Amino acid sequence: MESNFVPAYKLRDKDELKKIPNDKPGYYKWWASYDTLQIILDKLNMQFDGIKNYLEVKKGYYCIYVGVAIKESLRARLNWHINQINKPTNVKSGTLSTLRKTISSLVGKNMLDTDATNDFINKLMVEYYLFDDSIKSQTAKDKIHKIENDLLNCDTLYILNIQDNHHKLSPKKELKKLRKIARQI
């Protein structure tokens, strides 16, 4: 299966985003440079040397998050993560992207800090994989959930994943705590 590896900031351009088919499900990975990863680690009081052997590395970047798009197109899901605005209604209703919640909790004053969240996202790379199955199809659901499950249940640490992340070094308790604090607006 072929992947696409692009700077997240490029997907803010609607023409670039439209290059991703709007009728395909898939999964995606978010990647950070060492310096950007260090921002996360500092906030979580983690040391690179303590986790480096558990990180997936590609092209000099470290994978920090994996996600899936099954109920909507991969394009819609990436657009949601990259281009959503951190509005009070999104924060209060729980419709703010889970990735944006986590990032804003790490780098912003609170979950409403769209600018800090976007500045951080702009430093990241996105890798995505499209499937030819139909959105919401059982076939897509089975295939993509298996991939997600396999990724989150191996020796690799996806540091920003909270749900179903059972890695022994996962900082999910600390991330939940930071998200709770950042949500109080």
N, C-alpha and C. Protein backbone atom coordinates (compact mmCIF):
# COMPACT_ATOMS: atom_id res chain seq x y z
N MET A 1 0.84 -1.17 0.00
CA MET A 1 0.00 0.00 0.00
C MET A 1 0.90 1.24 0.00
N GLU A 2 0.62 2.15 -0.87
CA GLU A 2 1.41 3.36 -1.02
C GLU A 2 0.99 4.41 0.00
N SER A 3 1.99 5.09 0.54
CA SER A 3 1.69 6.17 1.47
C SER A 3 2.09 7.51 0.86
N ASN A 4 1.54 8.55 1.42
CA ASN A 4 1.88 9.92 1.04
C ASN A 4 2.41 10.59 2.29
N PHE A 5 3.51 11.31 2.16
CA PHE A 5 4.20 11.94 3.29
C PHE A 5 4.31 13.41 2.96
N VAL A 6 3.52 14.26 3.66
CA VAL A 6 3.46 15.68 3.32
C VAL A 6 3.54 16.56 4.57
N PRO A 7 4.08 17.78 4.42
CA PRO A 7 4.04 18.71 5.53
C PRO A 7 2.58 19.08 5.84
N ALA A 8 2.21 19.07 7.10
CA ALA A 8 0.83 19.36 7.50
C ALA A 8 0.38 20.73 7.01
N TYR A 9 1.27 21.72 7.07
CA TYR A 9 0.88 23.08 6.68
C TYR A 9 0.42 23.14 5.22
N LYS A 10 0.92 22.25 4.37
CA LYS A 10 0.50 22.27 2.96
C LYS A 10 -0.98 21.91 2.82
N LEU A 11 -1.49 21.12 3.76
CA LEU A 11 -2.89 20.71 3.69
C LEU A 11 -3.84 21.79 4.19
N ARG A 12 -3.31 22.92 4.61
CA ARG A 12 -4.15 24.09 4.91
C ARG A 12 -4.63 24.73 3.61
N ASP A 13 -3.88 24.52 2.54
CA ASP A 13 -4.24 25.01 1.21
C ASP A 13 -5.33 24.08 0.66
N LYS A 14 -6.50 24.63 0.42
CA LYS A 14 -7.64 23.81 -0.03
C LYS A 14 -7.34 23.06 -1.33
N ASP A 15 -6.54 23.67 -2.22
CA ASP A 15 -6.19 22.98 -3.47
C ASP A 15 -5.32 21.76 -3.20
N GLU A 16 -4.41 21.88 -2.24
CA GLU A 16 -3.58 20.73 -1.87
C GLU A 16 -4.43 19.65 -1.20
N LEU A 17 -5.32 20.08 -0.33
CA LEU A 17 -6.19 19.14 0.37
C LEU A 17 -7.07 18.38 -0.62
N LYS A 18 -7.52 19.06 -1.67
CA LYS A 18 -8.39 18.43 -2.67
C LYS A 18 -7.68 17.35 -3.48
N LYS A 19 -6.37 17.27 -3.39
CA LYS A 19 -5.62 16.21 -4.08
C LYS A 19 -5.85 14.86 -3.42
N ILE A 20 -6.34 14.88 -2.18
CA ILE A 20 -6.69 13.64 -1.49
C ILE A 20 -8.14 13.31 -1.86
N PRO A 21 -8.39 12.12 -2.38
CA PRO A 21 -9.77 11.78 -2.75
C PRO A 21 -10.73 11.97 -1.58
N ASN A 22 -11.93 12.42 -1.89
CA ASN A 22 -12.92 12.68 -0.86
C ASN A 22 -13.89 11.51 -0.66
N ASP A 23 -13.56 10.38 -1.24
CA ASP A 23 -14.47 9.24 -1.14
C ASP A 23 -13.76 7.97 -0.68
N LYS A 24 -12.60 8.14 -0.01
CA LYS A 24 -11.81 6.97 0.41
C LYS A 24 -11.54 7.03 1.91
N PRO A 25 -11.68 5.88 2.58
CA PRO A 25 -11.27 5.79 3.98
C PRO A 25 -9.76 5.53 4.03
N GLY A 26 -9.22 5.49 5.23
CA GLY A 26 -7.80 5.17 5.37
C GLY A 26 -7.31 5.38 6.79
N TYR A 27 -6.00 5.40 6.90
CA TYR A 27 -5.40 5.71 8.20
C TYR A 27 -4.23 6.65 7.96
N TYR A 28 -3.76 7.24 9.06
CA TYR A 28 -2.73 8.27 8.93
C TYR A 28 -1.83 8.26 10.15
N LYS A 29 -0.65 8.83 9.95
CA LYS A 29 0.34 8.97 11.02
C LYS A 29 0.84 10.41 11.02
N TRP A 30 1.09 10.91 12.21
CA TRP A 30 1.65 12.25 12.38
C TRP A 30 3.09 12.11 12.85
N TRP A 31 3.97 12.90 12.23
CA TRP A 31 5.40 12.80 12.47
C TRP A 31 5.97 14.13 12.92
N ALA A 32 6.95 14.07 13.82
CA ALA A 32 7.59 15.28 14.35
C ALA A 32 9.10 15.17 14.19
N SER A 33 9.73 16.30 13.92
CA SER A 33 11.19 16.35 13.93
C SER A 33 11.66 16.17 15.37
N TYR A 34 12.94 15.96 15.55
CA TYR A 34 13.48 15.79 16.90
C TYR A 34 13.15 17.02 17.76
N ASP A 35 13.37 18.22 17.22
CA ASP A 35 13.12 19.44 18.00
C ASP A 35 11.66 19.58 18.40
N THR A 36 10.76 19.22 17.49
CA THR A 36 9.33 19.31 17.78
C THR A 36 8.93 18.23 18.78
N LEU A 37 9.47 17.04 18.63
CA LEU A 37 9.22 15.97 19.60
C LEU A 37 9.70 16.41 20.98
N GLN A 38 10.81 17.11 21.03
CA GLN A 38 11.36 17.54 22.32
C GLN A 38 10.41 18.49 23.05
N ILE A 39 9.64 19.29 22.31
CA ILE A 39 8.63 20.16 22.93
C ILE A 39 7.61 19.31 23.68
N ILE A 40 7.17 18.24 23.04
CA ILE A 40 6.21 17.32 23.66
C ILE A 40 6.83 16.67 24.89
N LEU A 41 8.03 16.15 24.73
CA LEU A 41 8.69 15.44 25.83
C LEU A 41 8.92 16.35 27.04
N ASP A 42 9.33 17.59 26.77
CA ASP A 42 9.56 18.53 27.87
C ASP A 42 8.27 18.77 28.65
N LYS A 43 7.18 18.95 27.94
CA LYS A 43 5.89 19.20 28.61
C LYS A 43 5.43 17.99 29.42
N LEU A 44 5.80 16.79 28.95
CA LEU A 44 5.40 15.56 29.62
C LEU A 44 6.45 15.06 30.62
N ASN A 45 7.53 15.84 30.80
CA ASN A 45 8.63 15.44 31.69
C ASN A 45 9.18 14.07 31.33
N MET A 46 9.37 13.85 30.04
CA MET A 46 9.93 12.60 29.54
C MET A 46 11.28 12.87 28.91
N GLN A 47 12.13 11.87 28.92
CA GLN A 47 13.46 11.98 28.34
C GLN A 47 13.53 11.18 27.03
N PHE A 48 14.12 11.79 26.02
CA PHE A 48 14.25 11.12 24.72
C PHE A 48 14.98 9.78 24.86
N ASP A 49 16.06 9.76 25.64
CA ASP A 49 16.83 8.52 25.78
C ASP A 49 15.99 7.38 26.37
N GLY A 50 14.99 7.72 27.16
CA GLY A 50 14.14 6.70 27.76
C GLY A 50 13.12 6.09 26.82
N ILE A 51 12.85 6.77 25.69
CA ILE A 51 11.83 6.26 24.76
C ILE A 51 12.34 6.02 23.34
N LYS A 52 13.55 6.47 23.04
CA LYS A 52 14.03 6.46 21.65
C LYS A 52 13.98 5.08 20.99
N ASN A 53 14.18 4.03 21.76
CA ASN A 53 14.16 2.68 21.19
C ASN A 53 12.75 2.19 20.86
N TYR A 54 11.75 2.94 21.28
CA TYR A 54 10.36 2.54 21.05
C TYR A 54 9.66 3.40 20.00
N LEU A 55 10.39 4.34 19.42
CA LEU A 55 9.78 5.25 18.46
C LEU A 55 9.98 4.77 17.03
N GLU A 56 8.95 4.97 16.22
CA GLU A 56 9.04 4.69 14.79
C GLU A 56 9.69 5.91 14.14
N VAL A 57 10.70 5.67 13.33
CA VAL A 57 11.46 6.75 12.70
C VAL A 57 11.38 6.59 11.19
N LYS A 58 11.17 7.73 10.50
CA LYS A 58 11.12 7.72 9.05
C LYS A 58 11.59 9.08 8.54
N LYS A 59 12.54 9.06 7.66
CA LYS A 59 13.04 10.29 7.03
C LYS A 59 13.46 11.34 8.07
N GLY A 60 13.98 10.90 9.19
CA GLY A 60 14.42 11.82 10.23
C GLY A 60 13.30 12.34 11.11
N TYR A 61 12.11 11.80 11.00
CA TYR A 61 10.96 12.21 11.81
C TYR A 61 10.53 11.05 12.70
N TYR A 62 9.86 11.40 13.80
CA TYR A 62 9.39 10.43 14.78
C TYR A 62 7.87 10.41 14.77
N CYS A 63 7.30 9.22 14.68
CA CYS A 63 5.84 9.10 14.64
C CYS A 63 5.29 9.34 16.05
N ILE A 64 4.33 10.28 16.14
CA ILE A 64 3.79 10.65 17.45
C ILE A 64 2.31 10.30 17.61
N TYR A 65 1.64 9.95 16.49
CA TYR A 65 0.19 9.72 16.59
C TYR A 65 -0.27 8.94 15.37
N VAL A 66 -1.20 8.02 15.58
CA VAL A 66 -1.85 7.32 14.48
C VAL A 66 -3.36 7.48 14.62
N GLY A 67 -4.04 7.57 13.50
CA GLY A 67 -5.49 7.72 13.52
C GLY A 67 -6.12 7.06 12.31
N VAL A 68 -7.44 6.97 12.32
CA VAL A 68 -8.17 6.31 11.25
C VAL A 68 -9.33 7.17 10.76
N ALA A 69 -9.68 6.93 9.51
CA ALA A 69 -10.85 7.57 8.91
C ALA A 69 -11.67 6.45 8.28
N ILE A 70 -12.78 6.13 8.90
CA ILE A 70 -13.64 5.04 8.42
C ILE A 70 -15.04 5.56 8.13
N LYS A 71 -15.56 6.41 9.02
CA LYS A 71 -16.92 6.92 8.87
C LYS A 71 -17.00 8.14 7.96
N GLU A 72 -15.83 8.69 7.63
CA GLU A 72 -15.76 9.81 6.69
C GLU A 72 -14.50 9.62 5.87
N SER A 73 -14.34 10.45 4.87
CA SER A 73 -13.17 10.31 4.01
C SER A 73 -11.91 10.70 4.77
N LEU A 74 -10.81 10.17 4.29
CA LEU A 74 -9.52 10.53 4.86
C LEU A 74 -9.28 12.03 4.71
N ARG A 75 -9.70 12.59 3.59
CA ARG A 75 -9.55 14.04 3.39
C ARG A 75 -10.30 14.82 4.47
N ALA A 76 -11.54 14.43 4.75
CA ALA A 76 -12.34 15.12 5.76
C ALA A 76 -11.69 15.01 7.14
N ARG A 77 -11.16 13.85 7.45
CA ARG A 77 -10.55 13.63 8.76
C ARG A 77 -9.29 14.49 8.91
N LEU A 78 -8.44 14.51 7.89
CA LEU A 78 -7.22 15.33 7.96
C LEU A 78 -7.57 16.82 8.01
N ASN A 79 -8.58 17.22 7.24
CA ASN A 79 -9.02 18.61 7.27
C ASN A 79 -9.48 18.99 8.68
N TRP A 80 -10.20 18.10 9.33
CA TRP A 80 -10.68 18.33 10.69
C TRP A 80 -9.51 18.56 11.64
N HIS A 81 -8.50 17.71 11.57
CA HIS A 81 -7.34 17.86 12.44
C HIS A 81 -6.54 19.12 12.14
N ILE A 82 -6.37 19.43 10.88
CA ILE A 82 -5.47 20.51 10.49
C ILE A 82 -6.15 21.88 10.48
N ASN A 83 -7.37 21.97 10.01
CA ASN A 83 -7.99 23.27 9.75
C ASN A 83 -9.11 23.67 10.70
N GLN A 84 -9.45 22.83 11.65
CA GLN A 84 -10.51 23.19 12.59
C GLN A 84 -10.07 24.38 13.45
N ILE A 85 -11.01 25.19 13.84
CA ILE A 85 -10.76 26.31 14.74
C ILE A 85 -11.20 25.89 16.14
N ASN A 86 -10.37 26.17 17.11
CA ASN A 86 -10.65 25.78 18.49
C ASN A 86 -11.67 26.74 19.11
N LYS A 87 -12.93 26.58 18.79
CA LYS A 87 -14.00 27.43 19.29
C LYS A 87 -14.53 26.90 20.62
N PRO A 88 -15.05 27.79 21.46
CA PRO A 88 -15.63 27.33 22.74
C PRO A 88 -16.70 26.26 22.55
N THR A 89 -17.53 26.40 21.52
CA THR A 89 -18.58 25.40 21.31
C THR A 89 -17.99 24.03 20.98
N ASN A 90 -16.88 24.00 20.23
CA ASN A 90 -16.23 22.72 19.92
C ASN A 90 -15.62 22.08 21.17
N VAL A 91 -15.02 22.92 22.00
CA VAL A 91 -14.40 22.41 23.22
C VAL A 91 -15.48 21.88 24.17
N LYS A 92 -16.54 22.67 24.38
CA LYS A 92 -17.59 22.27 25.32
C LYS A 92 -18.40 21.07 24.85
N SER A 93 -18.64 20.98 23.53
CA SER A 93 -19.44 19.87 23.01
C SER A 93 -18.63 18.61 22.76
N GLY A 94 -17.31 18.72 22.82
CA GLY A 94 -16.45 17.56 22.57
C GLY A 94 -16.21 17.29 21.11
N THR A 95 -16.51 18.26 20.24
CA THR A 95 -16.31 18.03 18.80
C THR A 95 -14.97 18.58 18.30
N LEU A 96 -14.15 19.07 19.21
CA LEU A 96 -12.80 19.46 18.82
C LEU A 96 -12.01 18.18 18.55
N SER A 97 -11.27 18.16 17.47
CA SER A 97 -10.46 17.00 17.12
C SER A 97 -9.65 16.54 18.33
N THR A 98 -9.61 15.24 18.55
CA THR A 98 -8.86 14.70 19.68
C THR A 98 -7.38 15.06 19.59
N LEU A 99 -6.85 15.05 18.40
CA LEU A 99 -5.44 15.43 18.23
C LEU A 99 -5.25 16.91 18.57
N ARG A 100 -6.16 17.76 18.12
CA ARG A 100 -6.07 19.19 18.44
C ARG A 100 -6.21 19.42 19.95
N LYS A 101 -7.09 18.67 20.62
CA LYS A 101 -7.23 18.78 22.07
C LYS A 101 -5.89 18.52 22.75
N THR A 102 -5.26 17.45 22.33
CA THR A 102 -3.99 17.07 22.94
C THR A 102 -2.91 18.09 22.65
N ILE A 103 -2.80 18.49 21.39
CA ILE A 103 -1.76 19.46 21.03
C ILE A 103 -1.98 20.79 21.74
N SER A 104 -3.22 21.28 21.75
CA SER A 104 -3.48 22.55 22.41
C SER A 104 -3.20 22.45 23.91
N SER A 105 -3.40 21.28 24.49
CA SER A 105 -3.10 21.08 25.90
C SER A 105 -1.60 21.12 26.18
N LEU A 106 -0.82 20.75 25.19
CA LEU A 106 0.64 20.73 25.35
C LEU A 106 1.29 22.07 25.05
N VAL A 107 0.76 22.79 24.06
CA VAL A 107 1.47 23.99 23.59
C VAL A 107 0.70 25.30 23.76
N GLY A 108 -0.58 25.22 24.08
CA GLY A 108 -1.39 26.43 24.20
C GLY A 108 -1.65 26.82 25.64
N LYS A 109 -2.30 27.95 25.77
CA LYS A 109 -2.71 28.41 27.10
C LYS A 109 -3.89 27.57 27.59
N ASN A 110 -4.73 27.17 26.63
CA ASN A 110 -5.87 26.31 26.91
C ASN A 110 -6.34 25.75 25.56
N MET A 111 -7.44 25.04 25.55
CA MET A 111 -7.91 24.42 24.31
C MET A 111 -8.44 25.42 23.30
N LEU A 112 -8.59 26.68 23.67
CA LEU A 112 -9.04 27.70 22.72
C LEU A 112 -7.88 28.34 21.96
N ASP A 113 -6.67 27.96 22.27
CA ASP A 113 -5.49 28.58 21.66
C ASP A 113 -5.24 28.00 20.26
N THR A 114 -6.05 28.45 19.32
CA THR A 114 -5.94 27.98 17.94
C THR A 114 -4.58 28.31 17.35
N ASP A 115 -4.08 29.52 17.62
CA ASP A 115 -2.81 29.93 17.02
C ASP A 115 -1.65 29.03 17.44
N ALA A 116 -1.52 28.77 18.73
CA ALA A 116 -0.44 27.91 19.22
C ALA A 116 -0.60 26.49 18.67
N THR A 117 -1.84 26.02 18.62
CA THR A 117 -2.11 24.69 18.09
C THR A 117 -1.71 24.61 16.62
N ASN A 118 -2.15 25.60 15.84
CA ASN A 118 -1.81 25.61 14.41
C ASN A 118 -0.32 25.77 14.17
N ASP A 119 0.34 26.60 14.96
CA ASP A 119 1.79 26.76 14.81
C ASP A 119 2.51 25.44 15.02
N PHE A 120 2.05 24.68 16.00
CA PHE A 120 2.66 23.38 16.26
C PHE A 120 2.35 22.39 15.13
N ILE A 121 1.09 22.34 14.72
CA ILE A 121 0.70 21.43 13.63
C ILE A 121 1.50 21.74 12.37
N ASN A 122 1.76 23.01 12.12
CA ASN A 122 2.53 23.40 10.93
C ASN A 122 3.94 22.84 10.91
N LYS A 123 4.45 22.42 12.05
CA LYS A 123 5.79 21.84 12.13
C LYS A 123 5.80 20.33 11.87
N LEU A 124 4.61 19.74 11.80
CA LEU A 124 4.49 18.29 11.68
C LEU A 124 4.38 17.83 10.23
N MET A 125 4.64 16.55 10.05
CA MET A 125 4.43 15.88 8.76
C MET A 125 3.25 14.92 8.95
N VAL A 126 2.52 14.70 7.86
CA VAL A 126 1.40 13.75 7.86
C VAL A 126 1.68 12.70 6.81
N GLU A 127 1.52 11.46 7.21
CA GLU A 127 1.61 10.34 6.27
C GLU A 127 0.23 9.70 6.24
N TYR A 128 -0.29 9.48 5.04
CA TYR A 128 -1.61 8.87 4.97
C TYR A 128 -1.67 7.76 3.95
N TYR A 129 -2.57 6.82 4.23
CA TYR A 129 -2.77 5.62 3.42
C TYR A 129 -4.25 5.56 3.06
N LEU A 130 -4.55 5.48 1.78
CA LEU A 130 -5.92 5.39 1.31
C LEU A 130 -6.31 3.94 1.02
N PHE A 131 -7.58 3.62 1.23
CA PHE A 131 -8.13 2.31 0.90
C PHE A 131 -9.16 2.47 -0.20
N ASP A 132 -9.29 1.47 -1.02
CA ASP A 132 -10.27 1.52 -2.11
C ASP A 132 -11.67 1.10 -1.67
N ASP A 133 -11.80 0.68 -0.44
CA ASP A 133 -13.11 0.27 0.08
C ASP A 133 -14.00 1.49 0.27
N SER A 134 -15.28 1.25 0.38
CA SER A 134 -16.23 2.34 0.60
C SER A 134 -16.17 2.84 2.04
N ILE A 135 -16.38 4.14 2.19
CA ILE A 135 -16.48 4.73 3.52
C ILE A 135 -17.64 4.05 4.25
N LYS A 136 -17.46 3.78 5.52
CA LYS A 136 -18.44 3.14 6.39
C LYS A 136 -18.67 1.66 6.08
N SER A 137 -17.95 1.10 5.11
CA SER A 137 -18.16 -0.31 4.78
C SER A 137 -17.55 -1.19 5.87
N GLN A 138 -18.12 -2.34 6.04
CA GLN A 138 -17.59 -3.29 7.03
C GLN A 138 -16.18 -3.72 6.64
N THR A 139 -15.92 -3.85 5.35
CA THR A 139 -14.59 -4.25 4.89
C THR A 139 -13.55 -3.21 5.30
N ALA A 140 -13.85 -1.94 5.05
CA ALA A 140 -12.92 -0.87 5.45
C ALA A 140 -12.75 -0.86 6.96
N LYS A 141 -13.85 -0.97 7.68
CA LYS A 141 -13.80 -0.95 9.14
C LYS A 141 -12.90 -2.08 9.66
N ASP A 142 -13.10 -3.29 9.15
CA ASP A 142 -12.30 -4.43 9.60
C ASP A 142 -10.82 -4.24 9.29
N LYS A 143 -10.50 -3.86 8.07
CA LYS A 143 -9.11 -3.69 7.66
C LYS A 143 -8.41 -2.58 8.45
N ILE A 144 -9.07 -1.43 8.54
CA ILE A 144 -8.43 -0.27 9.15
C ILE A 144 -8.33 -0.43 10.67
N HIS A 145 -9.35 -0.99 11.30
CA HIS A 145 -9.27 -1.22 12.74
C HIS A 145 -8.19 -2.24 13.08
N LYS A 146 -8.00 -3.23 12.21
CA LYS A 146 -6.92 -4.20 12.45
C LYS A 146 -5.57 -3.51 12.39
N ILE A 147 -5.38 -2.64 11.41
CA ILE A 147 -4.12 -1.90 11.31
C ILE A 147 -3.91 -1.04 12.55
N GLU A 148 -4.94 -0.30 12.94
CA GLU A 148 -4.84 0.56 14.12
C GLU A 148 -4.53 -0.27 15.36
N ASN A 149 -5.22 -1.37 15.53
CA ASN A 149 -5.01 -2.25 16.68
C ASN A 149 -3.58 -2.80 16.68
N ASP A 150 -3.11 -3.24 15.52
CA ASP A 150 -1.75 -3.77 15.43
C ASP A 150 -0.71 -2.70 15.77
N LEU A 151 -0.93 -1.48 15.28
CA LEU A 151 0.01 -0.40 15.57
C LEU A 151 0.04 -0.06 17.06
N LEU A 152 -1.13 0.03 17.67
CA LEU A 152 -1.20 0.45 19.06
C LEU A 152 -0.89 -0.66 20.06
N ASN A 153 -0.73 -1.88 19.56
CA ASN A 153 -0.43 -3.01 20.44
C ASN A 153 0.89 -3.68 20.08
N CYS A 154 1.84 -2.89 19.66
CA CYS A 154 3.17 -3.41 19.38
C CYS A 154 4.16 -2.70 20.29
N ASP A 155 5.43 -2.88 20.05
CA ASP A 155 6.45 -2.25 20.90
C ASP A 155 6.68 -0.79 20.59
N THR A 156 6.02 -0.27 19.58
CA THR A 156 6.21 1.13 19.19
C THR A 156 5.34 2.04 20.05
N LEU A 157 5.93 3.13 20.50
CA LEU A 157 5.22 4.12 21.30
C LEU A 157 4.71 5.24 20.40
N TYR A 158 3.41 5.43 20.37
CA TYR A 158 2.78 6.56 19.69
C TYR A 158 2.36 7.51 20.81
N ILE A 159 3.23 8.43 21.10
CA ILE A 159 3.20 9.20 22.34
C ILE A 159 1.92 10.01 22.56
N LEU A 160 1.26 10.48 21.48
CA LEU A 160 0.06 11.31 21.66
C LEU A 160 -1.24 10.52 21.59
N ASN A 161 -1.19 9.24 21.28
CA ASN A 161 -2.41 8.43 21.29
C ASN A 161 -2.80 8.13 22.73
N ILE A 162 -4.06 8.32 23.02
CA ILE A 162 -4.57 8.03 24.35
C ILE A 162 -5.44 6.77 24.30
N GLN A 163 -6.46 6.80 23.48
CA GLN A 163 -7.41 5.68 23.41
C GLN A 163 -6.71 4.43 22.88
N ASP A 164 -6.90 3.33 23.56
CA ASP A 164 -6.37 2.01 23.18
C ASP A 164 -4.85 1.95 23.13
N ASN A 165 -4.18 2.91 23.74
CA ASN A 165 -2.72 2.90 23.78
C ASN A 165 -2.30 2.19 25.07
N HIS A 166 -1.77 0.99 24.92
CA HIS A 166 -1.41 0.18 26.09
C HIS A 166 0.10 0.05 26.25
N HIS A 167 0.85 0.88 25.53
CA HIS A 167 2.30 0.81 25.64
C HIS A 167 2.74 1.13 27.06
N LYS A 168 3.71 0.41 27.56
CA LYS A 168 4.14 0.58 28.94
C LYS A 168 4.68 1.98 29.24
N LEU A 169 5.13 2.71 28.22
CA LEU A 169 5.66 4.06 28.42
C LEU A 169 4.68 5.16 27.99
N SER A 170 3.48 4.77 27.65
CA SER A 170 2.49 5.76 27.21
C SER A 170 2.22 6.78 28.31
N PRO A 171 2.27 8.07 27.96
CA PRO A 171 1.97 9.11 28.95
C PRO A 171 0.48 9.47 28.97
N LYS A 172 -0.39 8.53 28.67
CA LYS A 172 -1.81 8.87 28.51
C LYS A 172 -2.43 9.44 29.78
N LYS A 173 -1.99 9.02 30.95
CA LYS A 173 -2.54 9.60 32.19
C LYS A 173 -2.17 11.08 32.28
N GLU A 174 -0.93 11.40 31.96
CA GLU A 174 -0.49 12.80 32.00
C GLU A 174 -1.20 13.61 30.92
N LEU A 175 -1.37 13.03 29.72
CA LEU A 175 -2.07 13.72 28.64
C LEU A 175 -3.52 14.01 29.04
N LYS A 176 -4.17 13.04 29.65
CA LYS A 176 -5.56 13.25 30.11
C LYS A 176 -5.62 14.37 31.13
N LYS A 177 -4.66 14.39 32.03
CA LYS A 177 -4.61 15.43 33.05
C LYS A 177 -4.41 16.80 32.41
N LEU A 178 -3.48 16.91 31.48
CA LEU A 178 -3.24 18.19 30.79
C LEU A 178 -4.45 18.62 29.99
N ARG A 179 -5.12 17.68 29.34
CA ARG A 179 -6.33 18.00 28.58
C ARG A 179 -7.44 18.51 29.50
N LYS A 180 -7.57 17.90 30.65
CA LYS A 180 -8.60 18.33 31.60
C LYS A 180 -8.34 19.77 32.04
N ILE A 181 -7.10 20.06 32.36
CA ILE A 181 -6.72 21.42 32.78
C ILE A 181 -6.98 22.41 31.65
N ALA A 182 -6.55 22.06 30.43
CA ALA A 182 -6.68 22.96 29.29
C ALA A 182 -8.12 23.17 28.86
N ARG A 183 -8.98 22.25 29.21
CA ARG A 183 -10.40 22.36 28.81
C ARG A 183 -11.16 23.35 29.68
N GLN A 184 -10.66 23.64 30.84
CA GLN A 184 -11.33 24.57 31.76
C GLN A 184 -11.12 25.99 31.28
N ILE A 185 -12.10 26.45 30.52
CA ILE A 185 -11.99 27.80 29.93
C ILE A 185 -13.07 28.72 30.47
